Amino acid sequence: MIMMRAAVAAAALSLSATTAHATEERTVPQVHPIGVALSALPVAAEDRTGYQRTAFRHWNAVG
């Protein structure tokens, strides 16, 4: 029974890997100077909705 499950799992992995590989498009990595790469990062205002400092009881405040 265990060997049958292993065979089914291996077949499923093989099938999904083959399908994923067939539909995957290859992209060429882009190389940019660090300033250009950093300026491309999105910047957003900080949102502390739902944050509670007391929720982090294991935080070490000494330091």
C-alpha atoms as a PDB file:
ATOM      1  CA  MET A   1       0.000   0.000   0.000  1.00  0.00           C
ATOM      2  CA  ILE A   2       2.825   2.406   0.889  1.00  0.00           C
ATOM      3  CA  MET A   3       4.692   1.591  -2.313  1.00  0.00           C
ATOM      4  CA  MET A   4       1.537   2.230  -4.327  1.00  0.00           C
ATOM      5  CA  ARG A   5       1.140   5.664  -2.725  1.00  0.00           C
ATOM      6  CA  ALA A   6       4.778   6.467  -3.433  1.00  0.00           C
ATOM      7  CA  ALA A   7       4.367   5.478  -7.083  1.00  0.00           C
ATOM      8  CA  VAL A   8       1.242   7.617  -7.454  1.00  0.00           C
ATOM      9  CA  ALA A   9       2.978  10.560  -5.786  1.00  0.00           C
ATOM     10  CA  ALA A  10       6.038  10.170  -8.032  1.00  0.00           C
ATOM     11  CA  ALA A  11       3.844  10.043 -11.134  1.00  0.00           C
ATOM     12  CA  ALA A  12       1.955  13.156 -10.038  1.00  0.00           C
ATOM     13  CA  LEU A  13       5.201  15.038  -9.405  1.00  0.00           C
ATOM     14  CA  SER A  14       6.587  13.939 -12.734  1.00  0.00           C
ATOM     15  CA  LEU A  15       3.460  15.044 -14.564  1.00  0.00           C
ATOM     16  CA  SER A  16       3.265  18.424 -12.831  1.00  0.00           C
ATOM     17  CA  ALA A  17       6.974  19.087 -13.408  1.00  0.00           C
ATOM     18  CA  THR A  18       6.650  18.223 -17.094  1.00  0.00           C
ATOM     19  CA  THR A  19       3.580  20.421 -17.490  1.00  0.00           C
ATOM     20  CA  ALA A  20       5.134  23.322 -15.608  1.00  0.00           C
ATOM     21  CA  HIS A  21       8.334  23.063 -17.616  1.00  0.00           C
ATOM     22  CA  ALA A  22       6.475  22.988 -20.919  1.00  0.00           C
ATOM     23  CA  THR A  23       4.508  26.167 -20.165  1.00  0.00           C
ATOM     24  CA  GLU A  24       7.347  28.062 -18.468  1.00  0.00           C
ATOM     25  CA  GLU A  25       8.718  30.980 -20.434  1.00  0.00           C
ATOM     26  CA  ARG A  26      12.390  31.683 -20.024  1.00  0.00           C
ATOM     27  CA  THR A  27      13.341  35.226 -19.143  1.00  0.00           C
ATOM     28  CA  VAL A  28      16.750  36.769 -19.512  1.00  0.00           C
ATOM     29  CA  PRO A  29      17.963  38.408 -16.284  1.00  0.00           C
ATOM     30  CA  GLN A  30      18.387  42.149 -16.551  1.00  0.00           C
ATOM     31  CA  VAL A  31      21.479  43.816 -15.127  1.00  0.00           C
ATOM     32  CA  HIS A  32      21.188  47.445 -14.021  1.00  0.00           C
ATOM     33  CA  PRO A  33      23.400  49.809 -12.041  1.00  0.00           C
ATOM     34  CA  ILE A  34      22.505  49.747  -8.334  1.00  0.00           C
ATOM     35  CA  GLY A  35      21.014  53.261  -8.404  1.00  0.00           C
ATOM     36  CA  VAL A  36      18.633  52.332 -11.219  1.00  0.00           C
ATOM     37  CA  ALA A  37      17.674  49.068  -9.515  1.00  0.00           C
ATOM     38  CA  LEU A  38      16.967  50.818  -6.201  1.00  0.00           C
ATOM     39  CA  SER A  39      14.910  53.548  -7.821  1.00  0.00           C
ATOM     40  CA  ALA A  40      12.725  50.858  -9.417  1.00  0.00           C
ATOM     41  CA  LEU A  41      11.623  49.523  -6.007  1.00  0.00           C
ATOM     42  CA  PRO A  42       8.101  50.589  -5.000  1.00  0.00           C
ATOM     43  CA  VAL A  43       7.869  52.933  -2.000  1.00  0.00           C
ATOM     44  CA  ALA A  44       4.738  53.151   0.140  1.00  0.00           C
ATOM     45  CA  ALA A  45       3.738  54.855   3.355  1.00  0.00           C
ATOM     46  CA  GLU A  46       3.979  52.694   6.454  1.00  0.00           C
ATOM     47  CA  ASP A  47       0.664  51.258   7.633  1.00  0.00           C
ATOM     48  CA  ARG A  48       0.566  50.138  11.266  1.00  0.00           C
ATOM     49  CA  THR A  49      -3.089  49.147  11.271  1.00  0.00           C
ATOM     50  CA  GLY A  50      -3.514  46.230  13.650  1.00  0.00           C
ATOM     51  CA  TYR A  51       0.021  46.470  15.055  1.00  0.00           C
ATOM     52  CA  GLN A  52       0.330  45.973  18.803  1.00  0.00           C
ATOM     53  CA  ARG A  53       3.759  46.124  20.395  1.00  0.00           C
ATOM     54  CA  THR A  54       2.536  43.913  23.261  1.00  0.00           C
ATOM     55  CA  ALA A  55       1.903  41.096  20.771  1.00  0.00           C
ATOM     56  CA  PHE A  56       5.685  40.539  20.611  1.00  0.00           C
ATOM     57  CA  ARG A  57       6.319  39.308  24.129  1.00  0.00           C
ATOM     58  CA  HIS A  58       9.621  37.627  23.346  1.00  0.00           C
ATOM     59  CA  TRP A  59      11.258  40.765  22.004  1.00  0.00           C
ATOM     60  CA  ASN A  60      14.366  41.730  23.940  1.00  0.00           C
ATOM     61  CA  ALA A  61      14.006  45.422  24.859  1.00  0.00           C
ATOM     62  CA  VAL A  62      17.500  45.564  26.378  1.00  0.00           C
ATOM     63  CA  GLY A  63      20.187  46.405  23.987  1.00  0.00           C
END
